[in-house]
């Protein structure tokens, strides 16, 4: 039987950040089910276009982490972009994001409706769900015109099932005074007002952090299938049995529970899938805007982004995101049908006119957004305590079943490595 001190499950940003922090003198092994490292931070270069699996734009809070990663990208041009995001409204018009701070840009009747409902909203009851919170904080008009339909398209679920704080610090809260002040003193600043993006795509961040990891200690195309918590042994898809002192997993939490045989209520864990189309056209489309939100239920996608307006290139390069419930079958036929529907909807929205599609790529992210509920929060905390008592730690967006940034994953991974290793040094 093989033995290793740190067995790391997953070579995405979380797993690689943990291995990088350990340093090459530590005893570790990284197991990755895919044939490549990177997780969802992969980049596709095709027909002269550069696309990620989805829009992965880094919004750094920690200057030291940004500096560390950027200095490892030798020869890579780093773009620093001031975000321009819009909401597609009616008759081809756009309004600025976030919606709740820019209702004054709506047609007069809709603006007055939103303003009235904001001022006279019922604040007396404590919200019991994400949906309740939207109505309590912003009133019926703002909730029903944008916040509810957009987020239902994104999460592909009833918002009444989600926890009040399902999006944490990433939700653009604003009180009534801020909304009113924005009428005359526009301030749409948010956590992602600026972002950093390497010219070679998000995979450059992966390569940067992987530069501190011994490639001989990364085993690709090898999935962990079972974890014996009592014996502290992992069995892989290649039949290897690996004893560990610590196992650090960034796999979706529900999969870790299955691998380790911990009993759990499956209905506690729900999520959506996102079908992402990367589309390249023969010429430019809308200028300046970096991404755009679509609350309209009749349009298939909830968000599109413009790589060409980030790179400054002369052909429209889009990512298009469509949310689906987790049980939706997305096979080759469904993808072809959805692509045709997307093109029709892009024409309907005025994004595509007489453009010619010259390149296309698609990927299904499963899971994409996990559904954070009161039940999931309670169960994750309880199950993590059991796992950690056996030396098993679950980290990252999916490992912690939460909503967070890639930078947050790096911070969490480094903190865990420090906690487990420093006392021994």
Protein backbone atom coordinates (compact mmCIF):
# COMPACT_ATOMS: atom_id res chain seq x y z
CA UNK A 1 0.00 0.00 0.00
CA UNK A 2 1.24 3.47 -0.90
CA UNK A 3 1.47 6.09 1.82
CA UNK A 4 1.45 9.87 1.59
CA UNK A 5 1.09 12.56 4.20
CA UNK A 6 -1.14 14.90 2.16
CA UNK A 7 -3.49 13.35 -0.39
CA UNK A 8 -5.07 16.14 -2.46
CA UNK A 9 -8.24 15.35 -4.41
CA UNK A 10 -8.66 17.70 -7.37
CA UNK A 11 -6.17 19.76 -9.38
CA UNK A 12 -8.29 22.87 -9.69
CA UNK A 13 -7.28 26.17 -8.13
CA UNK A 14 -8.05 25.01 -4.57
CA UNK A 15 -6.09 21.78 -4.73
CA UNK A 16 -3.15 23.35 -6.54
CA UNK A 17 -3.10 26.30 -4.11
CA UNK A 18 -2.90 23.84 -1.21
CA UNK A 19 -0.06 21.87 -2.83
CA UNK A 20 1.76 25.08 -3.77
CA UNK A 21 1.57 26.30 -0.18
CA UNK A 22 2.95 23.02 1.17
CA UNK A 23 6.14 23.45 -0.82
CA UNK A 24 8.16 20.82 -2.64
CA UNK A 25 9.74 19.50 0.56
CA UNK A 26 6.39 18.23 1.88
CA UNK A 27 5.07 14.74 1.14
CA UNK A 28 1.97 15.11 -1.07
CA UNK A 29 0.15 13.64 -4.05
CA UNK A 30 -2.52 15.33 -6.18
CA UNK A 31 -5.16 13.12 -7.82
CA UNK A 32 -7.20 14.59 -10.69
CA UNK A 33 -10.01 12.76 -12.46
CA UNK A 34 -9.67 14.86 -15.61
CA UNK A 35 -6.87 14.58 -18.16
CA UNK A 36 -5.81 18.21 -17.47
CA UNK A 37 -5.31 20.40 -14.45
CA UNK A 38 -7.42 23.52 -13.86
CA UNK A 39 -10.94 22.39 -13.03
CA UNK A 40 -13.33 24.98 -14.44
CA UNK A 41 -10.47 27.42 -15.06
CA UNK A 42 -9.57 25.90 -18.40
CA UNK A 43 -9.08 27.98 -21.56
CA UNK A 44 -9.96 27.04 -25.14
CA UNK A 45 -8.01 28.52 -28.06
CA UNK A 46 -9.83 27.85 -31.32
CA UNK A 47 -9.93 29.48 -34.77
CA UNK A 48 -8.19 32.59 -33.50
CA UNK A 49 -10.49 33.01 -30.47
CA UNK A 50 -9.58 32.63 -26.79
CA UNK A 51 -12.38 31.47 -24.50
CA UNK A 52 -12.62 30.12 -20.98
CA UNK A 53 -15.03 27.43 -19.86
CA UNK A 54 -17.05 30.41 -18.66
CA UNK A 55 -16.29 34.01 -17.74
CA UNK A 56 -13.48 33.74 -15.14
CA UNK A 57 -12.38 37.30 -14.40
CA UNK A 58 -10.36 37.69 -11.23
CA UNK A 59 -11.44 40.43 -8.81
CA UNK A 60 -8.63 40.59 -6.29
CA UNK A 61 -9.06 41.84 -2.74
CA UNK A 62 -5.58 40.73 -1.70
CA UNK A 63 -2.83 42.61 -3.51
CA UNK A 64 -0.22 40.10 -2.37
CA UNK A 65 -2.06 37.20 -4.03
CA UNK A 66 -2.49 39.13 -7.27
CA UNK A 67 1.20 40.11 -7.27
CA UNK A 68 2.28 36.55 -6.54
CA UNK A 69 0.28 35.07 -9.42
CA UNK A 70 1.05 37.80 -11.95
CA UNK A 71 4.80 37.65 -11.31
CA UNK A 72 4.73 33.92 -12.13
CA UNK A 73 3.16 34.58 -15.57
CA UNK A 74 6.42 35.16 -17.36
CA UNK A 75 5.92 36.95 -20.67
CA UNK A 76 2.13 37.08 -20.28
CA UNK A 77 0.42 40.43 -20.95
CA UNK A 78 -1.96 41.21 -18.10
CA UNK A 79 -5.06 43.27 -18.85
CA UNK A 80 -6.51 45.43 -16.09
CA UNK A 81 -10.07 46.29 -16.98
CA UNK A 82 -12.61 48.75 -15.60
CA UNK A 83 -15.85 46.78 -15.76
CA UNK A 84 -18.72 47.89 -17.98
CA UNK A 85 -21.79 45.74 -17.31
CA UNK A 86 -25.32 46.34 -18.56
CA UNK A 87 -28.82 44.93 -18.33
CA UNK A 88 -30.73 44.29 -21.53
CA UNK A 89 -34.13 45.90 -21.19
CA UNK A 90 -36.78 46.46 -23.83
CA UNK A 91 -36.69 47.41 -27.50
CA UNK A 92 -32.93 47.01 -27.60
CA UNK A 93 -32.26 49.43 -24.73
CA UNK A 94 -29.76 48.78 -21.95
CA UNK A 95 -29.56 50.08 -18.41
CA UNK A 96 -26.60 50.05 -16.08
CA UNK A 97 -26.00 47.28 -13.54
CA UNK A 98 -26.96 46.88 -10.72
CA UNK A 99 -30.63 47.23 -11.55
CA UNK A 100 -31.76 48.43 -8.14
CA UNK A 101 -29.42 51.44 -8.23
CA UNK A 102 -30.41 52.45 -11.75
CA UNK A 103 -34.20 52.30 -11.83
CA UNK A 104 -34.16 55.98 -12.85
CA UNK A 105 -32.96 54.80 -16.28
CA UNK A 106 -36.21 52.86 -16.82
CA UNK A 107 -39.16 54.26 -18.78
CA UNK A 108 -41.07 56.76 -16.61
CA UNK A 109 -44.01 54.53 -15.63
CA UNK A 110 -41.78 51.61 -14.66
CA UNK A 111 -39.44 53.91 -12.76
CA UNK A 112 -42.33 55.36 -10.72
CA UNK A 113 -43.67 51.87 -10.00
CA UNK A 114 -40.29 50.69 -8.71
CA UNK A 115 -39.78 53.86 -6.66
CA UNK A 116 -43.26 53.60 -5.10
CA UNK A 117 -42.84 49.92 -4.21
CA UNK A 118 -39.34 50.54 -2.82
CA UNK A 119 -40.57 53.25 -0.47
CA UNK A 120 -43.72 51.42 0.68
CA UNK A 121 -42.27 47.92 0.90
CA UNK A 122 -43.14 45.77 3.91
CA UNK A 123 -40.05 45.62 6.14
CA UNK A 124 -41.84 44.24 9.19
CA UNK A 125 -41.29 40.50 8.65
CA UNK A 126 -37.93 38.79 8.87
CA UNK A 127 -37.17 37.21 5.46
CA UNK A 128 -37.15 33.42 5.52
CA UNK A 129 -35.69 32.90 2.03
CA UNK A 130 -33.67 34.58 -0.70
CA UNK A 131 -36.91 35.45 -2.50
CA UNK A 132 -38.41 36.99 0.66
CA UNK A 133 -35.25 39.06 1.10
CA UNK A 134 -35.53 40.52 -2.40
CA UNK A 135 -39.10 41.71 -1.79
CA UNK A 136 -38.35 42.98 1.73
CA UNK A 137 -35.28 44.99 0.72
CA UNK A 138 -36.34 46.30 -2.69
CA UNK A 139 -40.13 46.07 -3.03
CA UNK A 140 -42.31 44.31 -5.57
CA UNK A 141 -41.37 46.37 -8.66
CA UNK A 142 -37.59 45.93 -8.47
CA UNK A 143 -37.95 42.30 -7.40
CA UNK A 144 -40.32 41.25 -10.16
CA UNK A 145 -38.82 43.27 -13.01
CA UNK A 146 -35.27 42.01 -12.55
CA UNK A 147 -34.06 40.39 -9.33
CA UNK A 148 -36.48 37.46 -9.22
CA UNK A 149 -36.61 36.49 -12.93
CA UNK A 150 -32.87 36.92 -13.47
CA UNK A 151 -31.86 34.86 -10.44
CA UNK A 152 -34.44 32.18 -11.22
CA UNK A 153 -32.88 31.84 -14.68
CA UNK A 154 -29.40 31.69 -13.16
CA UNK A 155 -30.11 29.20 -10.35
CA UNK A 156 -32.79 27.29 -12.30
CA UNK A 157 -34.83 26.92 -9.12
CA UNK A 158 -37.49 28.54 -6.97
CA UNK A 159 -35.74 31.29 -5.00
CA UNK A 160 -38.02 30.56 -2.03
CA UNK A 161 -35.92 27.44 -1.40
CA UNK A 162 -32.63 29.34 -1.07
CA UNK A 163 -31.12 30.77 2.09
CA UNK A 164 -31.51 34.51 2.70
CA UNK A 165 -27.75 34.97 2.36
CA UNK A 166 -27.32 32.56 -0.57
CA UNK A 167 -25.00 34.95 -2.46
CA UNK A 168 -23.18 36.41 0.54
CA UNK A 169 -21.02 39.45 -0.12
CA UNK A 170 -21.48 39.05 -3.88
CA UNK A 171 -25.06 40.30 -3.89
CA UNK A 172 -25.20 44.05 -4.72
CA UNK A 173 -27.17 45.30 -1.75
CA UNK A 174 -28.27 48.94 -1.64
CA UNK A 175 -30.54 50.78 0.79
CA UNK A 176 -33.16 53.32 -0.22
CA UNK A 177 -30.87 56.31 0.38
CA UNK A 178 -28.15 54.82 -1.84
CA UNK A 179 -30.67 54.13 -4.59
CA UNK A 180 -32.02 57.68 -4.47
CA UNK A 181 -28.53 59.19 -4.36
CA UNK A 182 -27.58 57.25 -7.47
CA UNK A 183 -30.13 59.24 -9.47
CA UNK A 184 -27.87 62.31 -9.44
CA UNK A 185 -24.52 60.96 -8.24
CA UNK A 186 -23.97 57.67 -10.09
CA UNK A 187 -21.90 55.16 -8.14
CA UNK A 188 -22.23 51.59 -9.40
CA UNK A 189 -19.06 50.37 -7.73
CA UNK A 190 -19.08 46.75 -6.59
CA UNK A 191 -16.67 44.01 -5.52
CA UNK A 192 -15.85 43.44 -9.21
CA UNK A 193 -15.62 47.03 -10.48
CA UNK A 194 -12.21 46.19 -11.89
CA UNK A 195 -10.78 42.86 -12.90
CA UNK A 196 -7.53 41.34 -14.01
CA UNK A 197 -7.31 39.08 -17.04
CA UNK A 198 -4.25 37.55 -18.71
CA UNK A 199 -4.13 37.65 -22.50
CA UNK A 200 -3.81 33.86 -22.58
CA UNK A 201 -7.03 33.33 -20.60
CA UNK A 202 -7.83 32.07 -17.12
CA UNK A 203 -5.64 28.99 -17.55
CA UNK A 204 -2.65 31.30 -17.02
CA UNK A 205 -3.65 31.63 -13.35
CA UNK A 206 -3.66 27.85 -13.13
CA UNK A 207 -0.22 27.61 -14.73
CA UNK A 208 1.06 30.31 -12.38
CA UNK A 209 0.01 28.55 -9.20
CA UNK A 210 0.96 25.13 -10.61
CA UNK A 211 4.51 26.39 -11.14
CA UNK A 212 5.04 25.81 -7.42
CA UNK A 213 3.79 22.21 -7.59
CA UNK A 214 6.00 19.25 -8.50
CA UNK A 215 4.42 17.87 -11.73
CA UNK A 216 5.63 14.38 -10.81
CA UNK A 217 3.26 14.50 -7.85
CA UNK A 218 0.15 15.16 -9.97
CA UNK A 219 -1.66 12.04 -11.20
CA UNK A 220 -4.09 12.87 -14.02
CA UNK A 221 -7.05 10.77 -15.21
CA UNK A 222 -7.20 9.09 -11.80
CA UNK A 223 -10.37 9.48 -9.78
CA UNK A 224 -10.79 8.77 -6.08
CA UNK A 225 -13.64 6.27 -5.83
CA UNK A 226 -13.70 5.29 -2.16
CA UNK A 227 -12.40 6.72 1.10
CA UNK A 228 -12.13 4.50 4.16
CA UNK A 229 -12.45 7.08 6.93
CA UNK A 230 -11.61 4.69 9.73
CA UNK A 231 -8.54 3.22 8.02
CA UNK A 232 -7.63 6.54 6.31
CA UNK A 233 -7.16 4.88 2.93
CA UNK A 234 -8.33 6.12 -0.50
CA UNK A 235 -8.95 3.77 -3.43
CA UNK A 236 -8.62 5.18 -6.96
CA UNK A 237 -10.05 4.32 -10.37
CA UNK A 238 -6.72 2.69 -11.21
CA UNK A 239 -6.97 0.31 -8.29
CA UNK A 240 -4.39 2.06 -6.14
CA UNK A 241 -4.84 2.08 -2.39
CA UNK A 242 -3.24 5.14 -0.80
CA UNK A 243 -2.97 5.63 2.93
CA UNK A 244 -2.99 9.25 4.06
CA UNK A 245 -2.53 11.36 7.13
CA UNK A 246 -4.54 14.24 5.67
CA UNK A 247 -6.90 14.18 2.72
CA UNK A 248 -7.82 17.56 1.26
CA UNK A 249 -10.67 17.51 -1.26
CA UNK A 250 -12.10 20.19 -3.53
CA UNK A 251 -14.57 17.77 -5.12
CA UNK A 252 -18.27 18.73 -4.79
CA UNK A 253 -19.18 18.06 -1.18
CA UNK A 254 -21.96 15.63 -2.00
CA UNK A 255 -19.50 13.51 -4.00
CA UNK A 256 -17.08 13.48 -1.08
CA UNK A 257 -19.90 12.24 1.13
CA UNK A 258 -20.60 9.46 -1.37
CA UNK A 259 -16.92 8.50 -1.63
CA UNK A 260 -16.52 8.36 2.13
CA UNK A 261 -19.80 6.51 2.72
CA UNK A 262 -21.18 9.09 5.13
CA UNK A 263 -24.99 8.73 5.26
CA UNK A 264 -26.79 11.90 4.15
CA UNK A 265 -30.15 13.07 2.88
CA UNK A 266 -29.62 13.50 -0.89
CA UNK A 267 -32.44 16.05 -1.21
CA UNK A 268 -30.42 18.41 1.01
CA UNK A 269 -27.96 18.97 -1.83
CA UNK A 270 -29.24 20.55 -5.03
CA UNK A 271 -27.58 22.62 -7.71
CA UNK A 272 -27.93 23.79 -11.29
CA UNK A 273 -26.07 22.96 -14.45
CA UNK A 274 -24.89 25.70 -16.79
CA UNK A 275 -24.55 25.12 -20.51
CA UNK A 276 -21.93 27.54 -21.82
CA UNK A 277 -21.56 28.41 -25.49
CA UNK A 278 -18.43 30.15 -26.68
CA UNK A 279 -19.21 31.78 -30.02
CA UNK A 280 -16.98 33.57 -32.50
CA UNK A 281 -18.33 35.85 -35.24
CA UNK A 282 -16.78 37.43 -38.31
CA UNK A 283 -17.00 41.03 -37.07
CA UNK A 284 -17.63 43.24 -34.05
CA UNK A 285 -20.90 43.61 -32.19
CA UNK A 286 -21.71 46.00 -29.34
CA UNK A 287 -18.70 48.05 -28.22
CA UNK A 288 -17.31 48.67 -24.71
CA UNK A 289 -19.66 46.41 -22.69
CA UNK A 290 -17.96 43.44 -21.01
CA UNK A 291 -21.00 41.44 -19.99
CA UNK A 292 -24.76 41.80 -20.06
CA UNK A 293 -27.64 40.41 -17.98
CA UNK A 294 -30.99 39.21 -19.39
CA UNK A 295 -33.99 38.89 -17.02
CA UNK A 296 -36.45 38.17 -19.84
CA UNK A 297 -37.89 34.68 -19.41
CA UNK A 298 -38.48 34.34 -23.16
CA UNK A 299 -34.72 34.57 -23.83
CA UNK A 300 -32.81 31.35 -23.18
CA UNK A 301 -29.65 32.81 -21.64
CA UNK A 302 -29.27 34.78 -18.43
CA UNK A 303 -25.88 36.35 -19.21
CA UNK A 304 -23.50 36.88 -22.09
CA UNK A 305 -19.97 38.28 -22.07
CA UNK A 306 -17.78 39.91 -24.73
CA UNK A 307 -14.17 38.70 -24.81
CA UNK A 308 -13.49 40.96 -27.80
CA UNK A 309 -14.22 44.05 -25.70
CA UNK A 310 -11.71 42.83 -23.10
CA UNK A 311 -8.99 41.91 -25.59
CA UNK A 312 -9.71 44.81 -27.97
CA UNK A 313 -10.06 42.49 -30.96
CA UNK A 314 -12.01 43.07 -34.17
CA UNK A 315 -14.36 40.05 -34.12
CA UNK A 316 -17.21 39.52 -31.67
CA UNK A 317 -16.29 36.75 -29.23
CA UNK A 318 -19.02 35.73 -26.78
CA UNK A 319 -19.67 33.44 -23.89
CA UNK A 320 -23.34 32.65 -23.39
CA UNK A 321 -24.69 31.03 -20.21
CA UNK A 322 -27.91 29.04 -19.81
CA UNK A 323 -29.05 27.66 -16.46
CA UNK A 324 -30.67 24.21 -16.15
CA UNK A 325 -31.96 22.12 -13.24
CA UNK A 326 -29.48 19.45 -12.16
CA UNK A 327 -31.52 16.58 -13.59
CA UNK A 328 -31.74 18.03 -17.10
CA UNK A 329 -30.27 15.80 -19.80
CA UNK A 330 -27.86 17.82 -21.91
CA UNK A 331 -26.69 15.49 -24.66
CA UNK A 332 -25.32 16.26 -28.14
CA UNK A 333 -28.80 16.71 -29.63
CA UNK A 334 -29.84 19.06 -26.82
CA UNK A 335 -26.68 21.12 -27.30
CA UNK A 336 -27.27 21.50 -31.05
CA UNK A 337 -30.87 22.56 -30.44
CA UNK A 338 -29.84 25.00 -27.72
CA UNK A 339 -27.15 26.55 -29.95
CA UNK A 340 -29.73 27.27 -32.67
CA UNK A 341 -32.05 28.77 -30.04
CA UNK A 342 -29.23 30.94 -28.68
CA UNK A 343 -28.48 32.36 -32.13
CA UNK A 344 -32.16 33.19 -32.58
CA UNK A 345 -32.27 34.90 -29.19
CA UNK A 346 -29.07 36.87 -29.89
CA UNK A 347 -30.76 38.15 -33.08
CA UNK A 348 -33.94 38.95 -31.13
CA UNK A 349 -31.87 40.95 -28.61
CA UNK A 350 -30.06 42.81 -31.39
CA UNK A 351 -26.63 41.45 -30.42
CA UNK A 352 -26.29 39.55 -33.70
CA UNK A 353 -27.51 41.15 -36.94
CA UNK A 354 -25.93 40.02 -40.21
CA UNK A 355 -22.94 38.49 -38.42
CA UNK A 356 -21.60 35.12 -39.56
CA UNK A 357 -20.78 32.49 -36.94
CA UNK A 358 -17.26 31.25 -37.67
CA UNK A 359 -16.36 29.32 -34.49
CA UNK A 360 -18.25 27.54 -31.74
CA UNK A 361 -17.49 25.59 -28.57
CA UNK A 362 -19.64 24.38 -25.69
CA UNK A 363 -19.17 22.96 -22.22
CA UNK A 364 -21.55 21.82 -19.48
CA UNK A 365 -20.63 22.87 -15.95
CA UNK A 366 -22.11 20.37 -13.51
CA UNK A 367 -22.42 21.47 -10.79
CA UNK A 368 -22.31 25.17 -11.61
CA UNK A 369 -24.11 27.12 -8.85
CA UNK A 370 -24.91 25.16 -5.71
CA UNK A 371 -28.18 25.90 -3.94
CA UNK A 372 -27.39 27.23 -0.50
CA UNK A 373 -30.25 26.46 1.85
CA UNK A 374 -30.69 26.39 5.61
CA UNK A 375 -30.61 22.59 5.46
CA UNK A 376 -27.41 22.48 3.38
CA UNK A 377 -25.62 24.97 5.62
CA UNK A 378 -26.45 22.91 8.70
CA UNK A 379 -25.55 19.57 7.12
CA UNK A 380 -22.26 20.75 5.60
CA UNK A 381 -21.11 22.07 8.98
CA UNK A 382 -22.05 18.83 10.75
CA UNK A 383 -20.50 16.54 8.13
CA UNK A 384 -17.30 18.61 7.96
CA UNK A 385 -16.79 18.08 11.70
CA UNK A 386 -17.04 14.32 11.23
CA UNK A 387 -14.67 14.34 8.23
CA UNK A 388 -12.10 16.54 9.94
CA UNK A 389 -12.03 14.20 12.93
CA UNK A 390 -10.69 11.62 10.45
CA UNK A 391 -8.17 13.97 8.85
CA UNK A 392 -10.37 14.77 5.81
CA UNK A 393 -10.83 18.43 4.84
CA UNK A 394 -13.22 19.73 2.18
CA UNK A 395 -12.39 23.12 0.67
CA UNK A 396 -13.26 25.39 -2.23
CA UNK A 397 -16.49 26.59 -3.75
CA UNK A 398 -17.85 23.10 -4.29
CA UNK A 399 -16.01 21.42 -1.45
CA UNK A 400 -17.58 23.85 1.00
CA UNK A 401 -20.88 23.98 -0.94
CA UNK A 402 -20.89 27.76 -1.01
CA UNK A 403 -20.70 30.87 -3.18
CA UNK A 404 -17.23 32.38 -3.28
CA UNK A 405 -14.52 33.68 -5.60
CA UNK A 406 -11.48 31.84 -6.92
CA UNK A 407 -9.34 34.15 -4.80
CA UNK A 408 -11.33 33.03 -1.74
CA UNK A 409 -10.42 29.43 -2.65
CA UNK A 410 -6.72 30.34 -2.69
CA UNK A 411 -6.98 32.07 0.70
CA UNK A 412 -8.80 29.08 2.22
CA UNK A 413 -6.34 26.54 0.78
CA UNK A 414 -3.31 28.44 2.02
CA UNK A 415 -4.80 28.89 5.48
CA UNK A 416 -5.47 25.16 5.77
CA UNK A 417 -1.95 24.26 4.63
CA UNK A 418 -0.52 26.63 7.21
CA UNK A 419 -2.72 25.19 9.95
CA UNK A 420 -1.79 21.58 9.19
CA UNK A 421 1.90 22.01 8.40
CA UNK A 422 3.28 24.89 10.43
CA UNK A 423 3.01 23.12 13.81
CA UNK A 424 5.26 20.37 12.43
CA UNK A 425 7.95 22.64 11.08
